[in-house]
Amino acid sequence: MSRQFLKFLLTGGIAALVNLGSRYLLNEVMSFEIAVALAYLIGMVTAYVLARAFVFDRSGRSVGSEFKRFTIVNLFSLVLVWCISVFLARVFFPAAGFTWHAEDVAHFIGVMAPAVASYFGHRFYTFARAHQEP
């Protein structure tokens, strides 16, 4: 594994903890399904700040442009995280009789699922060097 990928996993792990922690807090005042989506957005902003500061070289684009690209990559990941988390918590775990912190475990698995795809999306799209016109 490259050093860059390891830094991505570390900063992504921090962002995942922010995601999981905020979902836990949000879940006190809203449904699991809504809390997963909002927590993902909080974790996504954290991930962008950390990735830009510690993982990827400057792309030459504005922060707004990079964040827009970051958001596009993460919208695909959000769908994956939400579907996996909700499916496990609402369908699979109840069918399997798994009850030990079922929502927490489901959300953790959901958050971890898109790590590799996100890395390549951000490396080759979000933070890819902007082409300079002659």
N, C-alpha and C. Protein backbone atom coordinates (compact mmCIF):
# COMPACT_ATOMS: atom_id res chain seq x y z
N MET A 1 0.84 -1.19 0.00
CA MET A 1 0.00 0.00 0.00
C MET A 1 0.88 1.24 0.00
N SER A 2 0.45 2.23 -0.73
CA SER A 2 1.22 3.46 -0.79
C SER A 2 1.05 4.26 0.49
N ARG A 3 2.02 5.12 0.74
CA ARG A 3 1.96 6.01 1.91
C ARG A 3 0.73 6.91 1.82
N GLN A 4 0.44 7.39 0.61
CA GLN A 4 -0.73 8.26 0.42
C GLN A 4 -2.02 7.53 0.79
N PHE A 5 -2.14 6.27 0.37
CA PHE A 5 -3.35 5.50 0.69
C PHE A 5 -3.46 5.28 2.19
N LEU A 6 -2.34 5.01 2.86
CA LEU A 6 -2.38 4.84 4.31
C LEU A 6 -2.80 6.13 5.01
N LYS A 7 -2.31 7.27 4.53
CA LYS A 7 -2.74 8.56 5.10
C LYS A 7 -4.23 8.78 4.84
N PHE A 8 -4.69 8.37 3.66
CA PHE A 8 -6.11 8.48 3.34
C PHE A 8 -6.94 7.63 4.30
N LEU A 9 -6.48 6.42 4.56
CA LEU A 9 -7.20 5.54 5.49
C LEU A 9 -7.21 6.12 6.90
N LEU A 10 -6.09 6.71 7.33
CA LEU A 10 -6.03 7.30 8.67
C LEU A 10 -6.95 8.51 8.79
N THR A 11 -6.87 9.43 7.83
CA THR A 11 -7.74 10.61 7.89
C THR A 11 -9.20 10.20 7.68
N GLY A 12 -9.41 9.22 6.82
CA GLY A 12 -10.77 8.70 6.62
C GLY A 12 -11.30 8.04 7.88
N GLY A 13 -10.42 7.38 8.62
CA GLY A 13 -10.82 6.77 9.89
C GLY A 13 -11.26 7.82 10.90
N ILE A 14 -10.53 8.93 10.94
CA ILE A 14 -10.91 10.03 11.83
C ILE A 14 -12.28 10.58 11.41
N ALA A 15 -12.45 10.80 10.10
CA ALA A 15 -13.73 11.29 9.59
C ALA A 15 -14.85 10.28 9.86
N ALA A 16 -14.53 8.99 9.78
CA ALA A 16 -15.53 7.96 10.07
C ALA A 16 -15.95 8.01 11.53
N LEU A 17 -15.00 8.26 12.43
CA LEU A 17 -15.35 8.39 13.85
C LEU A 17 -16.26 9.60 14.08
N VAL A 18 -15.96 10.70 13.37
CA VAL A 18 -16.82 11.88 13.45
C VAL A 18 -18.22 11.52 12.94
N ASN A 19 -18.27 10.80 11.82
CA ASN A 19 -19.53 10.35 11.23
C ASN A 19 -20.30 9.50 12.23
N LEU A 20 -19.65 8.49 12.79
CA LEU A 20 -20.33 7.58 13.71
C LEU A 20 -20.78 8.30 14.98
N GLY A 21 -19.91 9.15 15.52
CA GLY A 21 -20.26 9.89 16.74
C GLY A 21 -21.41 10.86 16.53
N SER A 22 -21.39 11.55 15.40
CA SER A 22 -22.48 12.49 15.13
C SER A 22 -23.78 11.74 14.87
N ARG A 23 -23.72 10.57 14.23
CA ARG A 23 -24.94 9.77 14.03
C ARG A 23 -25.52 9.35 15.37
N TYR A 24 -24.66 8.97 16.27
CA TYR A 24 -25.12 8.55 17.59
C TYR A 24 -25.85 9.71 18.28
N LEU A 25 -25.27 10.91 18.23
CA LEU A 25 -25.90 12.08 18.84
C LEU A 25 -27.19 12.48 18.12
N LEU A 26 -27.13 12.51 16.79
CA LEU A 26 -28.31 12.88 16.01
C LEU A 26 -29.46 11.90 16.22
N ASN A 27 -29.09 10.62 16.42
CA ASN A 27 -30.10 9.58 16.60
C ASN A 27 -30.93 9.79 17.87
N GLU A 28 -30.46 10.64 18.76
CA GLU A 28 -31.21 10.97 19.97
C GLU A 28 -32.44 11.83 19.65
N VAL A 29 -32.38 12.56 18.51
CA VAL A 29 -33.46 13.49 18.19
C VAL A 29 -34.14 13.22 16.85
N MET A 30 -33.69 12.20 16.13
CA MET A 30 -34.29 11.88 14.83
C MET A 30 -34.14 10.40 14.53
N SER A 31 -34.78 9.96 13.46
CA SER A 31 -34.74 8.55 13.08
C SER A 31 -33.33 8.14 12.64
N PHE A 32 -33.08 6.85 12.74
CA PHE A 32 -31.80 6.28 12.32
C PHE A 32 -31.50 6.63 10.86
N GLU A 33 -32.50 6.49 9.99
CA GLU A 33 -32.29 6.72 8.57
C GLU A 33 -31.86 8.16 8.28
N ILE A 34 -32.50 9.13 8.91
CA ILE A 34 -32.15 10.54 8.71
C ILE A 34 -30.80 10.83 9.36
N ALA A 35 -30.58 10.28 10.56
CA ALA A 35 -29.32 10.50 11.27
C ALA A 35 -28.13 9.97 10.46
N VAL A 36 -28.27 8.83 9.80
CA VAL A 36 -27.19 8.29 8.98
C VAL A 36 -26.83 9.27 7.86
N ALA A 37 -27.83 9.81 7.20
CA ALA A 37 -27.57 10.73 6.09
C ALA A 37 -26.92 12.03 6.58
N LEU A 38 -27.43 12.62 7.65
CA LEU A 38 -26.85 13.87 8.15
C LEU A 38 -25.45 13.66 8.71
N ALA A 39 -25.26 12.57 9.42
CA ALA A 39 -23.94 12.26 9.96
C ALA A 39 -22.93 12.07 8.83
N TYR A 40 -23.37 11.49 7.74
CA TYR A 40 -22.48 11.31 6.59
C TYR A 40 -21.99 12.67 6.10
N LEU A 41 -22.87 13.65 6.03
CA LEU A 41 -22.48 14.99 5.57
C LEU A 41 -21.47 15.62 6.52
N ILE A 42 -21.66 15.46 7.81
CA ILE A 42 -20.71 15.99 8.79
C ILE A 42 -19.35 15.30 8.63
N GLY A 43 -19.37 14.00 8.49
CA GLY A 43 -18.13 13.25 8.26
C GLY A 43 -17.47 13.62 6.95
N MET A 44 -18.27 13.92 5.93
CA MET A 44 -17.73 14.28 4.62
C MET A 44 -16.96 15.60 4.69
N VAL A 45 -17.49 16.58 5.37
CA VAL A 45 -16.79 17.86 5.51
C VAL A 45 -15.48 17.64 6.26
N THR A 46 -15.53 16.84 7.31
CA THR A 46 -14.31 16.51 8.06
C THR A 46 -13.29 15.82 7.15
N ALA A 47 -13.75 14.86 6.35
CA ALA A 47 -12.86 14.12 5.45
C ALA A 47 -12.22 15.05 4.43
N TYR A 48 -12.99 15.99 3.88
CA TYR A 48 -12.43 16.92 2.90
C TYR A 48 -11.31 17.76 3.52
N VAL A 49 -11.58 18.33 4.67
CA VAL A 49 -10.58 19.18 5.33
C VAL A 49 -9.30 18.38 5.61
N LEU A 50 -9.44 17.16 6.12
CA LEU A 50 -8.27 16.34 6.44
C LEU A 50 -7.54 15.87 5.18
N ALA A 51 -8.28 15.45 4.16
CA ALA A 51 -7.65 14.98 2.92
C ALA A 51 -6.90 16.11 2.23
N ARG A 52 -7.48 17.27 2.21
CA ARG A 52 -6.83 18.43 1.57
C ARG A 52 -5.58 18.83 2.33
N ALA A 53 -5.62 18.75 3.65
CA ALA A 53 -4.50 19.19 4.48
C ALA A 53 -3.38 18.15 4.55
N PHE A 54 -3.72 16.85 4.57
CA PHE A 54 -2.71 15.84 4.88
C PHE A 54 -2.47 14.75 3.85
N VAL A 55 -3.36 14.61 2.87
CA VAL A 55 -3.24 13.45 1.97
C VAL A 55 -2.85 13.83 0.55
N PHE A 56 -3.60 14.72 -0.06
CA PHE A 56 -3.43 14.99 -1.48
C PHE A 56 -2.73 16.32 -1.72
N ASP A 57 -1.96 16.38 -2.81
CA ASP A 57 -1.33 17.63 -3.23
C ASP A 57 -2.40 18.57 -3.76
N ARG A 58 -2.08 19.83 -3.79
CA ARG A 58 -3.01 20.83 -4.30
C ARG A 58 -3.30 20.55 -5.77
N SER A 59 -4.54 20.69 -6.14
CA SER A 59 -4.96 20.39 -7.51
C SER A 59 -4.79 21.59 -8.44
N GLY A 60 -4.70 22.78 -7.87
CA GLY A 60 -4.68 23.98 -8.68
C GLY A 60 -6.08 24.56 -8.88
N ARG A 61 -7.08 23.88 -8.35
CA ARG A 61 -8.46 24.36 -8.42
C ARG A 61 -8.76 25.14 -7.13
N SER A 62 -9.85 25.88 -7.16
CA SER A 62 -10.29 26.59 -5.96
C SER A 62 -10.84 25.57 -4.95
N VAL A 63 -10.91 25.99 -3.70
CA VAL A 63 -11.50 25.14 -2.66
C VAL A 63 -12.93 24.79 -3.05
N GLY A 64 -13.66 25.76 -3.58
CA GLY A 64 -15.05 25.50 -3.99
C GLY A 64 -15.14 24.43 -5.06
N SER A 65 -14.25 24.49 -6.04
CA SER A 65 -14.25 23.50 -7.12
C SER A 65 -13.88 22.12 -6.58
N GLU A 66 -12.86 22.07 -5.73
CA GLU A 66 -12.46 20.79 -5.15
C GLU A 66 -13.59 20.21 -4.30
N PHE A 67 -14.22 21.07 -3.49
CA PHE A 67 -15.28 20.58 -2.61
C PHE A 67 -16.47 20.08 -3.42
N LYS A 68 -16.76 20.74 -4.53
CA LYS A 68 -17.83 20.27 -5.42
C LYS A 68 -17.50 18.87 -5.95
N ARG A 69 -16.27 18.69 -6.39
CA ARG A 69 -15.85 17.37 -6.88
C ARG A 69 -15.87 16.34 -5.75
N PHE A 70 -15.41 16.76 -4.58
CA PHE A 70 -15.42 15.89 -3.40
C PHE A 70 -16.84 15.43 -3.11
N THR A 71 -17.77 16.36 -3.20
CA THR A 71 -19.18 16.07 -2.94
C THR A 71 -19.72 15.07 -3.96
N ILE A 72 -19.37 15.23 -5.21
CA ILE A 72 -19.84 14.31 -6.25
C ILE A 72 -19.38 12.89 -5.96
N VAL A 73 -18.09 12.72 -5.63
CA VAL A 73 -17.57 11.39 -5.29
C VAL A 73 -18.32 10.86 -4.07
N ASN A 74 -18.52 11.72 -3.09
CA ASN A 74 -19.14 11.27 -1.85
C ASN A 74 -20.63 11.02 -1.96
N LEU A 75 -21.30 11.60 -2.95
CA LEU A 75 -22.72 11.27 -3.14
C LEU A 75 -22.87 9.79 -3.50
N PHE A 76 -21.96 9.27 -4.30
CA PHE A 76 -21.99 7.84 -4.62
C PHE A 76 -21.74 7.02 -3.35
N SER A 77 -20.78 7.48 -2.55
CA SER A 77 -20.48 6.77 -1.30
C SER A 77 -21.64 6.86 -0.32
N LEU A 78 -22.31 8.01 -0.25
CA LEU A 78 -23.45 8.17 0.65
C LEU A 78 -24.54 7.16 0.34
N VAL A 79 -24.82 6.97 -0.93
CA VAL A 79 -25.84 5.99 -1.32
C VAL A 79 -25.43 4.60 -0.83
N LEU A 80 -24.17 4.26 -1.01
CA LEU A 80 -23.67 2.96 -0.57
C LEU A 80 -23.75 2.83 0.95
N VAL A 81 -23.28 3.84 1.67
CA VAL A 81 -23.30 3.81 3.14
C VAL A 81 -24.73 3.68 3.65
N TRP A 82 -25.63 4.50 3.11
CA TRP A 82 -27.02 4.49 3.57
C TRP A 82 -27.68 3.15 3.29
N CYS A 83 -27.51 2.65 2.08
CA CYS A 83 -28.15 1.37 1.71
C CYS A 83 -27.64 0.22 2.57
N ILE A 84 -26.34 0.14 2.74
CA ILE A 84 -25.76 -0.95 3.55
C ILE A 84 -26.20 -0.81 5.00
N SER A 85 -26.10 0.39 5.56
CA SER A 85 -26.45 0.60 6.97
C SER A 85 -27.91 0.26 7.23
N VAL A 86 -28.79 0.79 6.42
CA VAL A 86 -30.22 0.58 6.64
C VAL A 86 -30.60 -0.87 6.36
N PHE A 87 -30.06 -1.46 5.30
CA PHE A 87 -30.35 -2.86 5.00
C PHE A 87 -29.93 -3.77 6.16
N LEU A 88 -28.71 -3.57 6.65
CA LEU A 88 -28.24 -4.41 7.75
C LEU A 88 -29.10 -4.21 9.00
N ALA A 89 -29.36 -2.94 9.35
CA ALA A 89 -30.09 -2.65 10.59
C ALA A 89 -31.56 -3.04 10.53
N ARG A 90 -32.18 -2.88 9.37
CA ARG A 90 -33.63 -3.07 9.29
C ARG A 90 -34.05 -4.42 8.71
N VAL A 91 -33.16 -5.06 7.94
CA VAL A 91 -33.54 -6.30 7.27
C VAL A 91 -32.66 -7.48 7.71
N PHE A 92 -31.37 -7.38 7.45
CA PHE A 92 -30.48 -8.53 7.65
C PHE A 92 -30.31 -8.90 9.12
N PHE A 93 -29.95 -7.92 9.95
CA PHE A 93 -29.73 -8.24 11.36
C PHE A 93 -30.99 -8.77 12.05
N PRO A 94 -32.16 -8.15 11.83
CA PRO A 94 -33.37 -8.72 12.46
C PRO A 94 -33.64 -10.16 11.97
N ALA A 95 -33.44 -10.40 10.69
CA ALA A 95 -33.67 -11.75 10.15
C ALA A 95 -32.69 -12.76 10.74
N ALA A 96 -31.47 -12.29 11.03
CA ALA A 96 -30.44 -13.18 11.58
C ALA A 96 -30.52 -13.26 13.11
N GLY A 97 -31.39 -12.45 13.71
CA GLY A 97 -31.51 -12.46 15.17
C GLY A 97 -30.38 -11.71 15.87
N PHE A 98 -29.67 -10.88 15.12
CA PHE A 98 -28.56 -10.11 15.69
C PHE A 98 -29.11 -8.84 16.32
N THR A 99 -28.91 -8.67 17.61
CA THR A 99 -29.47 -7.51 18.31
C THR A 99 -28.43 -6.67 19.05
N TRP A 100 -27.22 -7.15 19.21
CA TRP A 100 -26.20 -6.42 19.97
C TRP A 100 -25.77 -5.17 19.22
N HIS A 101 -26.22 -4.01 19.66
CA HIS A 101 -25.90 -2.72 19.03
C HIS A 101 -26.06 -2.79 17.51
N ALA A 102 -27.17 -3.34 17.08
CA ALA A 102 -27.39 -3.60 15.65
C ALA A 102 -27.24 -2.34 14.79
N GLU A 103 -27.81 -1.21 15.21
CA GLU A 103 -27.70 0.00 14.40
C GLU A 103 -26.25 0.49 14.35
N ASP A 104 -25.55 0.42 15.48
CA ASP A 104 -24.15 0.86 15.52
C ASP A 104 -23.27 -0.01 14.61
N VAL A 105 -23.44 -1.31 14.72
CA VAL A 105 -22.65 -2.23 13.89
C VAL A 105 -22.98 -2.03 12.41
N ALA A 106 -24.26 -1.90 12.10
CA ALA A 106 -24.68 -1.70 10.71
C ALA A 106 -24.08 -0.41 10.15
N HIS A 107 -24.12 0.66 10.93
CA HIS A 107 -23.58 1.94 10.47
C HIS A 107 -22.07 1.86 10.31
N PHE A 108 -21.38 1.21 11.24
CA PHE A 108 -19.93 1.04 11.13
C PHE A 108 -19.56 0.31 9.84
N ILE A 109 -20.23 -0.78 9.56
CA ILE A 109 -19.96 -1.54 8.33
C ILE A 109 -20.26 -0.68 7.11
N GLY A 110 -21.37 0.04 7.14
CA GLY A 110 -21.73 0.92 6.03
C GLY A 110 -20.69 1.99 5.77
N VAL A 111 -20.18 2.60 6.83
CA VAL A 111 -19.19 3.67 6.70
C VAL A 111 -17.87 3.13 6.13
N MET A 112 -17.49 1.92 6.50
CA MET A 112 -16.22 1.36 6.04
C MET A 112 -16.27 0.88 4.58
N ALA A 113 -17.45 0.55 4.10
CA ALA A 113 -17.59 -0.08 2.78
C ALA A 113 -16.97 0.68 1.61
N PRO A 114 -17.13 2.00 1.48
CA PRO A 114 -16.65 2.67 0.27
C PRO A 114 -15.21 3.19 0.32
N ALA A 115 -14.39 2.75 1.26
CA ALA A 115 -13.05 3.33 1.45
C ALA A 115 -12.18 3.29 0.19
N VAL A 116 -12.03 2.16 -0.45
CA VAL A 116 -11.13 2.04 -1.60
C VAL A 116 -11.66 2.82 -2.80
N ALA A 117 -12.94 2.70 -3.08
CA ALA A 117 -13.52 3.43 -4.21
C ALA A 117 -13.40 4.94 -4.00
N SER A 118 -13.60 5.39 -2.78
CA SER A 118 -13.48 6.82 -2.49
C SER A 118 -12.06 7.31 -2.70
N TYR A 119 -11.09 6.53 -2.28
CA TYR A 119 -9.69 6.92 -2.46
C TYR A 119 -9.38 7.19 -3.93
N PHE A 120 -9.75 6.26 -4.79
CA PHE A 120 -9.45 6.44 -6.21
C PHE A 120 -10.27 7.57 -6.82
N GLY A 121 -11.51 7.73 -6.39
CA GLY A 121 -12.31 8.85 -6.86
C GLY A 121 -11.67 10.19 -6.51
N HIS A 122 -11.19 10.30 -5.30
CA HIS A 122 -10.57 11.56 -4.87
C HIS A 122 -9.19 11.75 -5.49
N ARG A 123 -8.47 10.68 -5.62
CA ARG A 123 -7.12 10.80 -6.21
C ARG A 123 -7.18 11.22 -7.68
N PHE A 124 -8.06 10.60 -8.43
CA PHE A 124 -8.07 10.83 -9.88
C PHE A 124 -9.13 11.83 -10.35
N TYR A 125 -9.96 12.32 -9.43
CA TYR A 125 -10.97 13.29 -9.83
C TYR A 125 -10.94 14.53 -8.93
N THR A 126 -11.20 14.35 -7.66
CA THR A 126 -11.30 15.50 -6.75
C THR A 126 -10.01 16.30 -6.71
N PHE A 127 -8.90 15.63 -6.45
CA PHE A 127 -7.62 16.30 -6.24
C PHE A 127 -6.66 16.15 -7.43
N ALA A 128 -7.17 15.69 -8.57
CA ALA A 128 -6.33 15.57 -9.77
C ALA A 128 -5.88 16.98 -10.19
N ARG A 129 -4.67 17.07 -10.67
CA ARG A 129 -4.15 18.37 -11.10
C ARG A 129 -5.04 18.95 -12.20
N ALA A 130 -5.34 20.23 -12.05
CA ALA A 130 -6.13 20.93 -13.06
C ALA A 130 -5.25 21.11 -14.30
N HIS A 131 -5.83 20.87 -15.45
CA HIS A 131 -5.09 21.06 -16.69
C HIS A 131 -5.04 22.55 -17.00
N GLN A 132 -3.88 23.00 -17.34
CA GLN A 132 -3.69 24.41 -17.65
C GLN A 132 -3.79 24.59 -19.16
N GLU A 133 -4.61 25.54 -19.56
CA GLU A 133 -4.75 25.84 -20.98
C GLU A 133 -3.56 26.71 -21.42
N PRO A 134 -3.03 26.45 -22.63
CA PRO A 134 -1.89 27.25 -23.09
C PRO A 134 -2.28 28.69 -23.39
